């Protein structure tokens, strides 16, 4: 029994020492200017699309995101966290009219530039928020009736805004000083389409989860 107690005490002390060393290592890393790469998946939709005098909610689409970021300490637990990310967005709406199932599917590619401020209540945790500007790189849309595509997919970007202002809020956790996970919610403050298309409620929004490596 005495041996078990000694072993248990030893393991507890070792665990506490390891955690203290890990926190100290992470704190040291947080005080340095660093850069990293990030990749993951997002679940986005485009809000509501207007057809006639009716509004229909778009279904979410899974997309890919990847890019680079900087971690610049500001002192007092705060950090400047700018990013440049490629992000796939879009949405899909499927409705039945007069016995026919109509489907609109849109796939959008953006270059997102979030300008984030982070706060670390503990060395491993980061809470962040800030504005974001998204630049349209590509789009591909298609229409289907009863599962059959009508015409070719169109990739012309003339009906879409070239740049959109938005915002980001999220949390990050550093598994090690180099490896971290990141979850966020992002939404556009401006509509995706140009003004003359009268789609005021069609805005990109959704969640993203990514894995990052800081050098």
Protein backbone atom coordinates (compact mmCIF):
# COMPACT_ATOMS: atom_id res chain seq x y z
CA UNK A 1 0.00 0.00 0.00
CA UNK A 2 2.87 2.32 0.91
CA UNK A 3 4.57 1.57 -2.41
CA UNK A 4 1.35 2.35 -4.33
CA UNK A 5 1.03 5.65 -2.48
CA UNK A 6 4.63 6.56 -3.31
CA UNK A 7 4.13 5.61 -6.98
CA UNK A 8 0.90 7.58 -7.16
CA UNK A 9 2.51 10.61 -5.53
CA UNK A 10 5.43 10.37 -7.93
CA UNK A 11 3.17 10.24 -10.99
CA UNK A 12 1.13 13.20 -9.72
CA UNK A 13 4.24 15.30 -9.10
CA UNK A 14 5.64 14.35 -12.52
CA UNK A 15 2.36 15.30 -14.20
CA UNK A 16 2.29 18.68 -12.43
CA UNK A 17 5.92 19.32 -13.31
CA UNK A 18 5.29 18.39 -16.97
CA UNK A 19 2.28 20.71 -17.14
CA UNK A 20 4.22 23.55 -15.51
CA UNK A 21 7.06 23.08 -18.01
CA UNK A 22 4.58 22.94 -20.90
CA UNK A 23 2.89 26.16 -19.76
CA UNK A 24 6.26 27.85 -19.35
CA UNK A 25 7.30 26.70 -22.83
CA UNK A 26 4.02 27.95 -24.32
CA UNK A 27 4.31 31.28 -22.48
CA UNK A 28 7.82 31.73 -23.88
CA UNK A 29 6.54 30.98 -27.38
CA UNK A 30 3.66 33.47 -26.95
CA UNK A 31 6.16 36.26 -26.27
CA UNK A 32 7.86 35.78 -29.64
CA UNK A 33 6.88 36.96 -33.11
CA UNK A 34 6.03 33.83 -35.09
CA UNK A 35 4.43 32.70 -38.36
CA UNK A 36 2.54 29.59 -39.39
CA UNK A 37 0.42 27.66 -41.86
CA UNK A 38 -3.14 26.46 -41.37
CA UNK A 39 -5.55 24.10 -43.19
CA UNK A 40 -8.95 22.63 -42.46
CA UNK A 41 -12.61 22.45 -43.42
CA UNK A 42 -15.54 24.83 -43.21
CA UNK A 43 -19.32 24.45 -43.26
CA UNK A 44 -20.81 27.46 -45.02
CA UNK A 45 -24.12 28.61 -46.43
CA UNK A 46 -25.30 31.73 -48.22
CA UNK A 47 -28.24 32.70 -46.04
CA UNK A 48 -31.51 33.24 -47.91
CA UNK A 49 -32.19 33.54 -51.62
CA UNK A 50 -35.22 35.42 -52.96
CA UNK A 51 -37.31 33.74 -55.66
CA UNK A 52 -40.31 35.83 -56.61
CA UNK A 53 -41.73 37.15 -53.35
CA UNK A 54 -40.49 34.17 -51.29
CA UNK A 55 -37.25 33.74 -49.34
CA UNK A 56 -35.63 30.29 -49.15
CA UNK A 57 -32.79 29.28 -46.82
CA UNK A 58 -29.74 27.76 -48.49
CA UNK A 59 -28.29 24.46 -47.28
CA UNK A 60 -24.72 24.40 -45.97
CA UNK A 61 -21.80 23.12 -48.03
CA UNK A 62 -18.53 21.60 -46.85
CA UNK A 63 -15.45 23.35 -48.21
CA UNK A 64 -11.68 23.53 -47.85
CA UNK A 65 -9.58 26.32 -46.39
CA UNK A 66 -5.83 26.86 -46.16
CA UNK A 67 -3.41 29.71 -45.70
CA UNK A 68 -0.79 31.47 -43.60
CA UNK A 69 -0.89 33.52 -40.43
CA UNK A 70 1.23 35.60 -38.09
CA UNK A 71 1.28 35.67 -34.29
CA UNK A 72 2.58 39.05 -33.11
CA UNK A 73 2.57 39.66 -29.31
CA UNK A 74 1.21 43.00 -28.10
CA UNK A 75 1.74 42.50 -24.37
CA UNK A 76 -0.69 41.90 -21.54
CA UNK A 77 -1.89 38.62 -23.03
CA UNK A 78 -2.97 40.27 -26.30
CA UNK A 79 -1.71 39.42 -29.79
CA UNK A 80 -2.16 40.68 -33.35
CA UNK A 81 -3.17 37.71 -35.52
CA UNK A 82 -3.45 38.62 -39.24
CA UNK A 83 -4.13 35.86 -41.78
CA UNK A 84 -4.35 35.25 -45.52
CA UNK A 85 -6.61 32.27 -46.27
CA UNK A 86 -8.08 30.62 -49.34
CA UNK A 87 -11.63 29.50 -48.49
CA UNK A 88 -14.27 27.57 -50.43
CA UNK A 89 -17.79 28.83 -49.73
CA UNK A 90 -21.22 28.68 -51.31
CA UNK A 91 -24.64 27.20 -50.76
CA UNK A 92 -27.41 25.11 -52.25
CA UNK A 93 -31.19 25.48 -52.32
CA UNK A 94 -33.61 22.76 -53.40
CA UNK A 95 -37.36 23.35 -53.70
CA UNK A 96 -40.29 21.68 -55.43
CA UNK A 97 -42.60 23.73 -57.63
CA UNK A 98 -45.55 22.27 -59.56
CA UNK A 99 -44.21 18.73 -59.07
CA UNK A 100 -40.70 19.58 -60.27
CA UNK A 101 -37.67 19.64 -57.96
CA UNK A 102 -35.50 22.67 -58.71
CA UNK A 103 -31.96 22.96 -57.37
CA UNK A 104 -29.50 25.86 -57.40
CA UNK A 105 -25.90 25.07 -56.40
CA UNK A 106 -23.16 27.66 -56.03
CA UNK A 107 -19.45 27.06 -55.29
CA UNK A 108 -17.37 30.13 -54.47
CA UNK A 109 -13.64 30.58 -53.91
CA UNK A 110 -12.44 33.54 -51.84
CA UNK A 111 -9.19 34.96 -50.57
CA UNK A 112 -10.03 35.88 -46.96
CA UNK A 113 -7.91 38.43 -45.08
CA UNK A 114 -8.92 38.46 -41.39
CA UNK A 115 -7.36 41.15 -39.18
CA UNK A 116 -7.72 39.59 -35.73
CA UNK A 117 -6.91 40.59 -32.17
CA UNK A 118 -6.43 37.70 -29.75
CA UNK A 119 -6.45 37.49 -25.96
CA UNK A 120 -4.91 34.61 -24.01
CA UNK A 121 -6.57 33.98 -20.61
CA UNK A 122 -4.16 31.03 -20.29
CA UNK A 123 -0.99 30.27 -22.29
CA UNK A 124 -2.67 27.50 -24.34
CA UNK A 125 -5.99 29.28 -25.04
CA UNK A 126 -6.65 32.17 -27.42
CA UNK A 127 -9.94 34.04 -27.88
CA UNK A 128 -9.95 36.16 -31.02
CA UNK A 129 -12.17 38.44 -33.07
CA UNK A 130 -11.88 41.04 -35.79
CA UNK A 131 -12.92 42.24 -39.24
CA UNK A 132 -12.35 40.35 -42.47
CA UNK A 133 -12.22 41.29 -46.14
CA UNK A 134 -12.98 38.58 -48.72
CA UNK A 135 -11.89 38.85 -52.36
CA UNK A 136 -13.76 36.71 -54.90
CA UNK A 137 -11.44 34.42 -56.90
CA UNK A 138 -13.86 32.03 -58.60
CA UNK A 139 -17.45 30.89 -58.77
CA UNK A 140 -19.27 27.99 -60.38
CA UNK A 141 -23.07 27.73 -60.32
CA UNK A 142 -25.54 25.31 -61.82
CA UNK A 143 -29.28 24.68 -62.05
CA UNK A 144 -30.96 21.27 -61.96
CA UNK A 145 -34.55 20.19 -62.53
CA UNK A 146 -35.48 16.74 -61.18
CA UNK A 147 -31.80 15.89 -60.83
CA UNK A 148 -30.92 16.81 -64.43
CA UNK A 149 -28.65 19.79 -65.02
CA UNK A 150 -30.18 22.53 -67.16
CA UNK A 151 -27.53 23.95 -69.49
CA UNK A 152 -23.86 24.23 -68.63
CA UNK A 153 -22.42 25.42 -65.34
CA UNK A 154 -21.60 29.11 -65.52
CA UNK A 155 -18.44 30.62 -64.06
CA UNK A 156 -18.88 34.29 -64.93
CA UNK A 157 -18.25 36.49 -61.86
CA UNK A 158 -19.98 39.65 -63.13
CA UNK A 159 -23.05 39.19 -60.89
CA UNK A 160 -20.98 38.80 -57.70
CA UNK A 161 -19.29 41.46 -55.59
CA UNK A 162 -15.51 41.43 -56.03
CA UNK A 163 -14.85 42.20 -52.36
CA UNK A 164 -16.97 41.80 -49.22
CA UNK A 165 -16.52 43.04 -45.67
CA UNK A 166 -17.23 40.65 -42.81
CA UNK A 167 -16.20 39.55 -39.35
CA UNK A 168 -14.70 36.59 -37.48
CA UNK A 169 -14.89 35.34 -33.90
CA UNK A 170 -13.34 32.15 -32.52
CA UNK A 171 -11.08 30.26 -30.14
CA UNK A 172 -7.74 28.50 -30.49
CA UNK A 173 -5.92 25.90 -28.43
CA UNK A 174 -2.19 25.18 -28.59
CA UNK A 175 -1.55 21.44 -28.24
CA UNK A 176 2.18 22.18 -28.27
CA UNK A 177 4.05 25.46 -28.91
CA UNK A 178 4.05 24.49 -32.60
CA UNK A 179 0.73 22.68 -33.15
CA UNK A 180 -2.68 24.27 -32.59
CA UNK A 181 -6.34 23.81 -33.42
CA UNK A 182 -8.65 26.65 -34.31
CA UNK A 183 -12.46 26.97 -34.46
CA UNK A 184 -14.31 30.03 -35.68
CA UNK A 185 -17.55 31.52 -36.91
CA UNK A 186 -17.37 33.91 -39.86
CA UNK A 187 -20.03 35.95 -41.59
CA UNK A 188 -20.19 38.59 -44.29
CA UNK A 189 -21.71 41.98 -43.51
CA UNK A 190 -22.42 42.61 -47.19
CA UNK A 191 -24.43 40.58 -49.69
CA UNK A 192 -22.66 38.31 -52.15
CA UNK A 193 -24.47 39.53 -55.30
CA UNK A 194 -24.42 42.94 -56.93
CA UNK A 195 -27.12 45.45 -56.01
CA UNK A 196 -29.16 45.08 -59.21
CA UNK A 197 -30.01 41.41 -58.47
CA UNK A 198 -32.06 42.26 -55.32
CA UNK A 199 -30.57 39.47 -53.19
CA UNK A 200 -30.06 41.45 -49.97
CA UNK A 201 -30.17 38.38 -47.68
CA UNK A 202 -27.67 36.26 -49.63
CA UNK A 203 -24.54 36.45 -47.46
CA UNK A 204 -21.80 33.90 -46.72
CA UNK A 205 -21.67 32.63 -43.14
CA UNK A 206 -20.67 29.49 -41.27
CA UNK A 207 -18.16 27.62 -39.13
CA UNK A 208 -14.57 26.49 -39.76
CA UNK A 209 -12.21 24.09 -37.99
CA UNK A 210 -8.50 23.95 -38.82
CA UNK A 211 -5.13 22.62 -37.72
CA UNK A 212 -2.18 24.99 -37.64
CA UNK A 213 1.60 24.69 -37.40
CA UNK A 214 3.57 27.64 -36.02
CA UNK A 215 7.25 27.91 -36.90
